[in-house]
């Protein structure tokens, strides 16, 4: 198993926890975030708002939130593995 650089433990831990903390509310509030995005685009350009809202849905906003959570968990796992390797 390759060793993890000790210099990456703290950044992985901090950014991993942050990614999980941001991803969970994105998943929970995906419908409201999607409506807010479409509404803000309407203020700028009505035609682009219709173009964005037609092929997309709150499902994709939730998918982005799940991706944040998964990447955060991978980063936290890498930090924990690096700490264990450093301690051994």
PDB file of N, CA and C in Angstrom:
ATOM      1  N   UNK A   1       0.846  -1.169   0.000  1.00  0.00           N
ATOM      2  CA  UNK A   1       0.000   0.000   0.000  1.00  0.00           C
ATOM      3  C   UNK A   1       0.900   1.243   0.000  1.00  0.00           C
ATOM      4  N   UNK A   2       0.607   2.207  -0.877  1.00  0.00           N
ATOM      5  CA  UNK A   2       1.445   3.410  -0.910  1.00  0.00           C
ATOM      6  C   UNK A   2       1.223   4.250   0.349  1.00  0.00           C
ATOM      7  N   UNK A   3       2.289   4.919   0.747  1.00  0.00           N
ATOM      8  CA  UNK A   3       2.172   5.772   1.933  1.00  0.00           C
ATOM      9  C   UNK A   3       1.569   7.116   1.539  1.00  0.00           C
ATOM     10  N   UNK A   4       0.895   7.720   2.472  1.00  0.00           N
ATOM     11  CA  UNK A   4       0.269   9.022   2.252  1.00  0.00           C
ATOM     12  C   UNK A   4       1.183  10.079   2.835  1.00  0.00           C
ATOM     13  N   UNK A   5       1.436  11.118   2.071  1.00  0.00           N
ATOM     14  CA  UNK A   5       2.311  12.203   2.504  1.00  0.00           C
ATOM     15  C   UNK A   5       1.737  12.861   3.756  1.00  0.00           C
ATOM     16  N   UNK A   6       2.515  12.989   4.813  1.00  0.00           N
ATOM     17  CA  UNK A   6       2.002  13.592   6.048  1.00  0.00           C
ATOM     18  C   UNK A   6       1.537  15.045   5.877  1.00  0.00           C
ATOM     19  N   UNK A   7       2.041  15.735   4.873  1.00  0.00           N
ATOM     20  CA  UNK A   7       1.633  17.115   4.641  1.00  0.00           C
ATOM     21  C   UNK A   7       0.214  17.246   4.118  1.00  0.00           C
ATOM     22  N   UNK A   8      -0.378  16.147   3.680  1.00  0.00           N
ATOM     23  CA  UNK A   8      -1.739  16.202   3.146  1.00  0.00           C
ATOM     24  C   UNK A   8      -2.800  15.789   4.157  1.00  0.00           C
ATOM     25  N   UNK A   9      -2.383  15.373   5.347  1.00  0.00           N
ATOM     26  CA  UNK A   9      -3.353  14.880   6.327  1.00  0.00           C
ATOM     27  C   UNK A   9      -4.287  15.990   6.786  1.00  0.00           C
ATOM     28  N   UNK A  10      -3.734  17.090   7.250  1.00  0.00           N
ATOM     29  CA  UNK A  10      -4.562  18.174   7.776  1.00  0.00           C
ATOM     30  C   UNK A  10      -5.443  18.826   6.696  1.00  0.00           C
ATOM     31  N   UNK A  11      -4.892  19.158   5.497  1.00  0.00           N
ATOM     32  CA  UNK A  11      -5.785  19.713   4.466  1.00  0.00           C
ATOM     33  C   UNK A  11      -6.898  18.759   4.045  1.00  0.00           C
ATOM     34  N   UNK A  12      -6.583  17.468   3.940  1.00  0.00           N
ATOM     35  CA  UNK A  12      -7.622  16.494   3.586  1.00  0.00           C
ATOM     36  C   UNK A  12      -8.693  16.421   4.655  1.00  0.00           C
ATOM     37  N   UNK A  13      -8.288  16.479   5.910  1.00  0.00           N
ATOM     38  CA  UNK A  13      -9.249  16.423   6.997  1.00  0.00           C
ATOM     39  C   UNK A  13     -10.150  17.657   6.998  1.00  0.00           C
ATOM     40  N   UNK A  14      -9.549  18.824   6.869  1.00  0.00           N
ATOM     41  CA  UNK A  14     -10.332  20.069   6.894  1.00  0.00           C
ATOM     42  C   UNK A  14     -11.265  20.156   5.691  1.00  0.00           C
ATOM     43  N   UNK A  15     -10.731  19.970   4.496  1.00  0.00           N
ATOM     44  CA  UNK A  15     -11.558  20.100   3.290  1.00  0.00           C
ATOM     45  C   UNK A  15     -12.558  18.956   3.166  1.00  0.00           C
ATOM     46  N   UNK A  16     -12.213  17.781   3.662  1.00  0.00           N
ATOM     47  CA  UNK A  16     -13.150  16.658   3.629  1.00  0.00           C
ATOM     48  C   UNK A  16     -14.358  16.901   4.510  1.00  0.00           C
ATOM     49  N   UNK A  17     -14.120  17.380   5.716  1.00  0.00           N
ATOM     50  CA  UNK A  17     -15.235  17.692   6.618  1.00  0.00           C
ATOM     51  C   UNK A  17     -16.065  18.831   6.043  1.00  0.00           C
ATOM     52  N   UNK A  18     -15.405  19.822   5.457  1.00  0.00           N
ATOM     53  CA  UNK A  18     -16.126  20.941   4.835  1.00  0.00           C
ATOM     54  C   UNK A  18     -16.987  20.463   3.664  1.00  0.00           C
ATOM     55  N   UNK A  19     -16.452  19.563   2.839  1.00  0.00           N
ATOM     56  CA  UNK A  19     -17.223  19.044   1.710  1.00  0.00           C
ATOM     57  C   UNK A  19     -18.451  18.262   2.174  1.00  0.00           C
ATOM     58  N   UNK A  20     -18.300  17.475   3.219  1.00  0.00           N
ATOM     59  CA  UNK A  20     -19.449  16.739   3.758  1.00  0.00           C
ATOM     60  C   UNK A  20     -20.463  17.717   4.347  1.00  0.00           C
ATOM     61  N   UNK A  21     -19.962  18.732   5.054  1.00  0.00           N
ATOM     62  CA  UNK A  21     -20.858  19.707   5.679  1.00  0.00           C
ATOM     63  C   UNK A  21     -21.609  20.542   4.644  1.00  0.00           C
ATOM     64  N   UNK A  22     -21.031  20.762   3.477  1.00  0.00           N
ATOM     65  CA  UNK A  22     -21.711  21.510   2.417  1.00  0.00           C
ATOM     66  C   UNK A  22     -22.620  20.581   1.602  1.00  0.00           C
ATOM     67  N   UNK A  23     -22.199  19.359   1.390  1.00  0.00           N
ATOM     68  CA  UNK A  23     -22.954  18.425   0.552  1.00  0.00           C
ATOM     69  C   UNK A  23     -24.281  17.996   1.154  1.00  0.00           C
ATOM     70  N   UNK A  24     -24.336  17.817   2.456  1.00  0.00           N
ATOM     71  CA  UNK A  24     -25.577  17.364   3.094  1.00  0.00           C
ATOM     72  C   UNK A  24     -26.699  18.390   2.932  1.00  0.00           C
ATOM     73  N   UNK A  25     -26.479  19.687   3.215  1.00  0.00           N
ATOM     74  CA  UNK A  25     -27.567  20.655   2.971  1.00  0.00           C
ATOM     75  C   UNK A  25     -27.948  20.788   1.495  1.00  0.00           C
ATOM     76  N   UNK A  26     -26.978  20.585   0.595  1.00  0.00           N
ATOM     77  CA  UNK A  26     -27.309  20.635  -0.833  1.00  0.00           C
ATOM     78  C   UNK A  26     -28.301  19.527  -1.171  1.00  0.00           C
ATOM     79  N   UNK A  27     -28.077  18.338  -0.637  1.00  0.00           N
ATOM     80  CA  UNK A  27     -28.991  17.227  -0.892  1.00  0.00           C
ATOM     81  C   UNK A  27     -30.357  17.501  -0.266  1.00  0.00           C
ATOM     82  N   UNK A  28     -30.367  18.026   0.942  1.00  0.00           N
ATOM     83  CA  UNK A  28     -31.633  18.256   1.646  1.00  0.00           C
ATOM     84  C   UNK A  28     -32.451  19.355   0.974  1.00  0.00           C
ATOM     85  N   UNK A  29     -31.805  20.438   0.572  1.00  0.00           N
ATOM     86  CA  UNK A  29     -32.513  21.605   0.024  1.00  0.00           C
ATOM     87  C   UNK A  29     -32.371  21.717  -1.489  1.00  0.00           C
ATOM     88  N   UNK A  30     -32.241  20.597  -2.201  1.00  0.00           N
ATOM     89  CA  UNK A  30     -31.994  20.629  -3.641  1.00  0.00           C
ATOM     90  C   UNK A  30     -33.118  21.293  -4.433  1.00  0.00           C
ATOM     91  N   UNK A  31     -34.358  21.107  -4.039  1.00  0.00           N
ATOM     92  CA  UNK A  31     -35.470  21.722  -4.787  1.00  0.00           C
ATOM     93  C   UNK A  31     -35.431  23.237  -4.671  1.00  0.00           C
ATOM     94  N   UNK A  32     -35.229  23.724  -3.459  1.00  0.00           N
ATOM     95  CA  UNK A  32     -35.150  25.172  -3.258  1.00  0.00           C
ATOM     96  C   UNK A  32     -33.948  25.786  -3.963  1.00  0.00           C
ATOM     97  N   UNK A  33     -32.815  25.090  -3.943  1.00  0.00           N
ATOM     98  CA  UNK A  33     -31.630  25.584  -4.638  1.00  0.00           C
ATOM     99  C   UNK A  33     -31.858  25.626  -6.142  1.00  0.00           C
ATOM    100  N   UNK A  34     -32.529  24.611  -6.663  1.00  0.00           N
ATOM    101  CA  UNK A  34     -32.810  24.601  -8.106  1.00  0.00           C
ATOM    102  C   UNK A  34     -33.745  25.745  -8.482  1.00  0.00           C
ATOM    103  N   UNK A  35     -34.813  25.937  -7.689  1.00  0.00           N
ATOM    104  CA  UNK A  35     -35.745  27.041  -7.987  1.00  0.00           C
ATOM    105  C   UNK A  35     -35.052  28.395  -7.879  1.00  0.00           C
ATOM    106  N   UNK A  36     -34.176  28.550  -6.888  1.00  0.00           N
ATOM    107  CA  UNK A  36     -33.460  29.815  -6.737  1.00  0.00           C
ATOM    108  C   UNK A  36     -32.524  30.063  -7.913  1.00  0.00           C
ATOM    109  N   UNK A  37     -31.887  29.028  -8.413  1.00  0.00           N
ATOM    110  CA  UNK A  37     -31.004  29.174  -9.567  1.00  0.00           C
ATOM    111  C   UNK A  37     -31.788  29.611 -10.794  1.00  0.00           C
ATOM    112  N   UNK A  38     -32.914  28.972 -11.040  1.00  0.00           N
ATOM    113  CA  UNK A  38     -33.737  29.335 -12.195  1.00  0.00           C
ATOM    114  C   UNK A  38     -34.281  30.750 -12.032  1.00  0.00           C
ATOM    115  N   UNK A  39     -34.713  31.096 -10.827  1.00  0.00           N
ATOM    116  CA  UNK A  39     -35.256  32.434 -10.575  1.00  0.00           C
ATOM    117  C   UNK A  39     -34.184  33.511 -10.770  1.00  0.00           C
ATOM    118  N   UNK A  40     -32.963  33.243 -10.333  1.00  0.00           N
ATOM    119  CA  UNK A  40     -31.886  34.215 -10.515  1.00  0.00           C
ATOM    120  C   UNK A  40     -31.507  34.355 -11.981  1.00  0.00           C
ATOM    121  N   UNK A  41     -31.581  33.275 -12.734  1.00  0.00           N
ATOM    122  CA  UNK A  41     -31.304  33.372 -14.162  1.00  0.00           C
ATOM    123  C   UNK A  41     -32.390  34.172 -14.878  1.00  0.00           C
ATOM    124  N   UNK A  42     -33.623  34.075 -14.390  1.00  0.00           N
ATOM    125  CA  UNK A  42     -34.695  34.855 -14.997  1.00  0.00           C
ATOM    126  C   UNK A  42     -34.434  36.344 -14.857  1.00  0.00           C
ATOM    127  N   UNK A  43     -33.831  36.750 -13.760  1.00  0.00           N
ATOM    128  CA  UNK A  43     -33.524  38.162 -13.559  1.00  0.00           C
ATOM    129  C   UNK A  43     -32.491  38.648 -14.563  1.00  0.00           C
ATOM    130  N   UNK A  44     -31.615  37.759 -14.998  1.00  0.00           N
ATOM    131  CA  UNK A  44     -30.583  38.149 -15.953  1.00  0.00           C
ATOM    132  C   UNK A  44     -31.083  38.015 -17.386  1.00  0.00           C
ATOM    133  N   UNK A  45     -31.622  36.854 -17.718  1.00  0.00           N
ATOM    134  CA  UNK A  45     -32.046  36.609 -19.097  1.00  0.00           C
ATOM    135  C   UNK A  45     -33.105  35.506 -19.079  1.00  0.00           C
ATOM    136  N   UNK A  46     -34.304  35.841 -19.471  1.00  0.00           N
ATOM    137  CA  UNK A  46     -35.416  34.891 -19.426  1.00  0.00           C
ATOM    138  C   UNK A  46     -35.182  33.706 -20.367  1.00  0.00           C
ATOM    139  N   UNK A  47     -34.600  33.941 -21.528  1.00  0.00           N
ATOM    140  CA  UNK A  47     -34.390  32.863 -22.489  1.00  0.00           C
ATOM    141  C   UNK A  47     -33.381  31.833 -21.960  1.00  0.00           C
ATOM    142  N   UNK A  48     -32.291  32.304 -21.350  1.00  0.00           N
ATOM    143  CA  UNK A  48     -31.312  31.354 -20.808  1.00  0.00           C
ATOM    144  C   UNK A  48     -31.889  30.598 -19.611  1.00  0.00           C
ATOM    145  N   UNK A  49     -32.782  31.245 -18.863  1.00  0.00           N
ATOM    146  CA  UNK A  49     -33.423  30.568 -17.740  1.00  0.00           C
ATOM    147  C   UNK A  49     -34.259  29.397 -18.219  1.00  0.00           C
ATOM    148  N   UNK A  50     -35.015  29.602 -19.274  1.00  0.00           N
ATOM    149  CA  UNK A  50     -35.814  28.502 -19.817  1.00  0.00           C
ATOM    150  C   UNK A  50     -34.923  27.408 -20.373  1.00  0.00           C
ATOM    151  N   UNK A  51     -33.795  27.799 -20.968  1.00  0.00           N
ATOM    152  CA  UNK A  51     -32.867  26.814 -21.513  1.00  0.00           C
ATOM    153  C   UNK A  51     -32.209  25.976 -20.433  1.00  0.00           C
ATOM    154  N   UNK A  52     -31.939  26.592 -19.302  1.00  0.00           N
ATOM    155  CA  UNK A  52     -31.304  25.860 -18.207  1.00  0.00           C
ATOM    156  C   UNK A  52     -32.311  24.957 -17.503  1.00  0.00           C
ATOM    157  N   UNK A  53     -33.512  25.470 -17.276  1.00  0.00           N
ATOM    158  CA  UNK A  53     -34.481  24.702 -16.486  1.00  0.00           C
ATOM    159  C   UNK A  53     -35.087  23.540 -17.259  1.00  0.00           C
ATOM    160  N   UNK A  54     -35.092  23.602 -18.577  1.00  0.00           N
ATOM    161  CA  UNK A  54     -35.700  22.525 -19.355  1.00  0.00           C
ATOM    162  C   UNK A  54     -34.948  21.199 -19.225  1.00  0.00           C
ATOM    163  N   UNK A  55     -33.618  21.130 -19.494  1.00  0.00           N
ATOM    164  CA  UNK A  55     -32.955  19.823 -19.414  1.00  0.00           C
ATOM    165  C   UNK A  55     -32.525  19.423 -18.001  1.00  0.00           C
ATOM    166  N   UNK A  56     -32.581  20.354 -17.068  1.00  0.00           N
ATOM    167  CA  UNK A  56     -32.111  20.035 -15.727  1.00  0.00           C
ATOM    168  C   UNK A  56     -33.277  19.868 -14.765  1.00  0.00           C
ATOM    169  N   UNK A  57     -32.959  19.424 -13.578  1.00  0.00           N
ATOM    170  CA  UNK A  57     -33.981  19.205 -12.568  1.00  0.00           C
ATOM    171  C   UNK A  57     -33.313  19.220 -11.195  1.00  0.00           C
ATOM    172  N   UNK A  58     -34.102  19.231 -10.122  1.00  0.00           N
ATOM    173  CA  UNK A  58     -33.512  19.161  -8.787  1.00  0.00           C
ATOM    174  C   UNK A  58     -32.704  17.879  -8.556  1.00  0.00           C
ATOM    175  N   UNK A  59     -32.998  16.850  -9.343  1.00  0.00           N
ATOM    176  CA  UNK A  59     -32.247  15.600  -9.220  1.00  0.00           C
ATOM    177  C   UNK A  59     -30.750  15.842  -9.406  1.00  0.00           C
ATOM    178  N   UNK A  60     -30.393  16.667 -10.384  1.00  0.00           N
ATOM    179  CA  UNK A  60     -28.979  16.911 -10.674  1.00  0.00           C
ATOM    180  C   UNK A  60     -28.322  17.763  -9.598  1.00  0.00           C
ATOM    181  N   UNK A  61     -29.081  18.638  -8.978  1.00  0.00           N
ATOM    182  CA  UNK A  61     -28.543  19.396  -7.850  1.00  0.00           C
ATOM    183  C   UNK A  61     -28.252  18.432  -6.694  1.00  0.00           C
ATOM    184  N   UNK A  62     -29.159  17.494  -6.453  1.00  0.00           N
ATOM    185  CA  UNK A  62     -28.940  16.477  -5.427  1.00  0.00           C
ATOM    186  C   UNK A  62     -27.755  15.586  -5.753  1.00  0.00           C
ATOM    187  N   UNK A  63     -27.564  15.284  -7.031  1.00  0.00           N
ATOM    188  CA  UNK A  63     -26.420  14.477  -7.453  1.00  0.00           C
ATOM    189  C   UNK A  63     -25.112  15.194  -7.145  1.00  0.00           C
ATOM    190  N   UNK A  64     -25.085  16.497  -7.368  1.00  0.00           N
ATOM    191  CA  UNK A  64     -23.887  17.272  -7.029  1.00  0.00           C
ATOM    192  C   UNK A  64     -23.646  17.249  -5.524  1.00  0.00           C
ATOM    193  N   UNK A  65     -24.709  17.318  -4.735  1.00  0.00           N
ATOM    194  CA  UNK A  65     -24.569  17.236  -3.285  1.00  0.00           C
ATOM    195  C   UNK A  65     -24.032  15.892  -2.834  1.00  0.00           C
ATOM    196  N   UNK A  66     -24.517  14.826  -3.445  1.00  0.00           N
ATOM    197  CA  UNK A  66     -24.023  13.480  -3.118  1.00  0.00           C
ATOM    198  C   UNK A  66     -22.545  13.363  -3.506  1.00  0.00           C
ATOM    199  N   UNK A  67     -22.163  13.953  -4.631  1.00  0.00           N
ATOM    200  CA  UNK A  67     -20.760  13.928  -5.047  1.00  0.00           C
ATOM    201  C   UNK A  67     -19.890  14.655  -4.020  1.00  0.00           C
ATOM    202  N   UNK A  68     -20.369  15.783  -3.498  1.00  0.00           N
ATOM    203  CA  UNK A  68     -19.637  16.491  -2.444  1.00  0.00           C
ATOM    204  C   UNK A  68     -19.442  15.588  -1.238  1.00  0.00           C
ATOM    205  N   UNK A  69     -20.499  14.913  -0.815  1.00  0.00           N
ATOM    206  CA  UNK A  69     -20.427  14.052   0.370  1.00  0.00           C
ATOM    207  C   UNK A  69     -19.451  12.904   0.136  1.00  0.00           C
ATOM    208  N   UNK A  70     -19.528  12.271  -1.017  1.00  0.00           N
ATOM    209  CA  UNK A  70     -18.656  11.128  -1.312  1.00  0.00           C
ATOM    210  C   UNK A  70     -17.193  11.578  -1.365  1.00  0.00           C
ATOM    211  N   UNK A  71     -16.917  12.682  -2.053  1.00  0.00           N
ATOM    212  CA  UNK A  71     -15.545  13.164  -2.116  1.00  0.00           C
ATOM    213  C   UNK A  71     -15.031  13.562  -0.738  1.00  0.00           C
ATOM    214  N   UNK A  72     -15.895  14.173   0.058  1.00  0.00           N
ATOM    215  CA  UNK A  72     -15.506  14.529   1.419  1.00  0.00           C
ATOM    216  C   UNK A  72     -15.172  13.307   2.252  1.00  0.00           C
ATOM    217  N   UNK A  73     -15.969  12.265   2.109  1.00  0.00           N
ATOM    218  CA  UNK A  73     -15.707  11.031   2.865  1.00  0.00           C
ATOM    219  C   UNK A  73     -14.400  10.377   2.415  1.00  0.00           C
ATOM    220  N   UNK A  74     -14.112  10.432   1.124  1.00  0.00           N
ATOM    221  CA  UNK A  74     -12.846   9.891   0.618  1.00  0.00           C
ATOM    222  C   UNK A  74     -11.673  10.683   1.179  1.00  0.00           C
ATOM    223  N   UNK A  75     -11.821  12.003   1.235  1.00  0.00           N
ATOM    224  CA  UNK A  75     -10.749  12.835   1.776  1.00  0.00           C
ATOM    225  C   UNK A  75     -10.530  12.572   3.265  1.00  0.00           C
ATOM    226  N   UNK A  76     -11.613  12.448   4.013  1.00  0.00           N
ATOM    227  CA  UNK A  76     -11.493  12.164   5.449  1.00  0.00           C
ATOM    228  C   UNK A  76     -10.860  10.784   5.652  1.00  0.00           C
ATOM    229  N   UNK A  77     -11.265   9.811   4.852  1.00  0.00           N
ATOM    230  CA  UNK A  77     -10.679   8.472   4.959  1.00  0.00           C
ATOM    231  C   UNK A  77      -9.186   8.507   4.645  1.00  0.00           C
ATOM    232  N   UNK A  78      -8.796   9.292   3.656  1.00  0.00           N
ATOM    233  CA  UNK A  78      -7.373   9.432   3.337  1.00  0.00           C
ATOM    234  C   UNK A  78      -6.607  10.092   4.467  1.00  0.00           C
ATOM    235  N   UNK A  79      -7.216  11.071   5.122  1.00  0.00           N
ATOM    236  CA  UNK A  79      -6.571  11.730   6.253  1.00  0.00           C
ATOM    237  C   UNK A  79      -6.402  10.776   7.421  1.00  0.00           C
ATOM    238  N   UNK A  80      -7.440   9.991   7.688  1.00  0.00           N
ATOM    239  CA  UNK A  80      -7.357   9.022   8.797  1.00  0.00           C
ATOM    240  C   UNK A  80      -6.307   7.959   8.472  1.00  0.00           C
ATOM    241  N   UNK A  81      -6.287   7.480   7.248  1.00  0.00           N
ATOM    242  CA  UNK A  81      -5.297   6.480   6.850  1.00  0.00           C
ATOM    243  C   UNK A  81      -3.887   7.057   6.955  1.00  0.00           C
ATOM    244  N   UNK A  82      -3.711   8.290   6.542  1.00  0.00           N
ATOM    245  CA  UNK A  82      -2.388   8.931   6.670  1.00  0.00           C
ATOM    246  C   UNK A  82      -1.972   9.095   8.111  1.00  0.00           C
ATOM    247  N   UNK A  83      -2.925   9.443   8.989  1.00  0.00           N
ATOM    248  CA  UNK A  83      -2.614   9.580  10.414  1.00  0.00           C
ATOM    249  C   UNK A  83      -2.227   8.228  11.013  1.00  0.00           C
ATOM    250  N   UNK A  84      -2.922   7.176  10.610  1.00  0.00           N
ATOM    251  CA  UNK A  84      -2.601   5.838  11.108  1.00  0.00           C
ATOM    252  C   UNK A  84      -1.221   5.414  10.627  1.00  0.00           C
ATOM    253  N   UNK A  85      -0.901   5.701   9.368  1.00  0.00           N
ATOM    254  CA  UNK A  85       0.410   5.364   8.844  1.00  0.00           C
ATOM    255  C   UNK A  85       1.509   6.165   9.539  1.00  0.00           C
ATOM    256  N   UNK A  86       1.211   7.417   9.856  1.00  0.00           N
ATOM    257  CA  UNK A  86       2.186   8.267  10.531  1.00  0.00           C
ATOM    258  C   UNK A  86       2.427   7.782  11.954  1.00  0.00           C
ATOM    259  N   UNK A  87       1.378   7.314  12.601  1.00  0.00           N
ATOM    260  CA  UNK A  87       1.498   6.850  13.986  1.00  0.00           C
ATOM    261  C   UNK A  87       2.223   5.517  14.086  1.00  0.00           C
ATOM    262  N   UNK A  88       2.162   4.718  13.023  1.00  0.00           N
ATOM    263  CA  UNK A  88       2.764   3.369  13.076  1.00  0.00           C
ATOM    264  C   UNK A  88       4.258   3.401  12.855  1.00  0.00           C
TER     265      UNK A  88
END
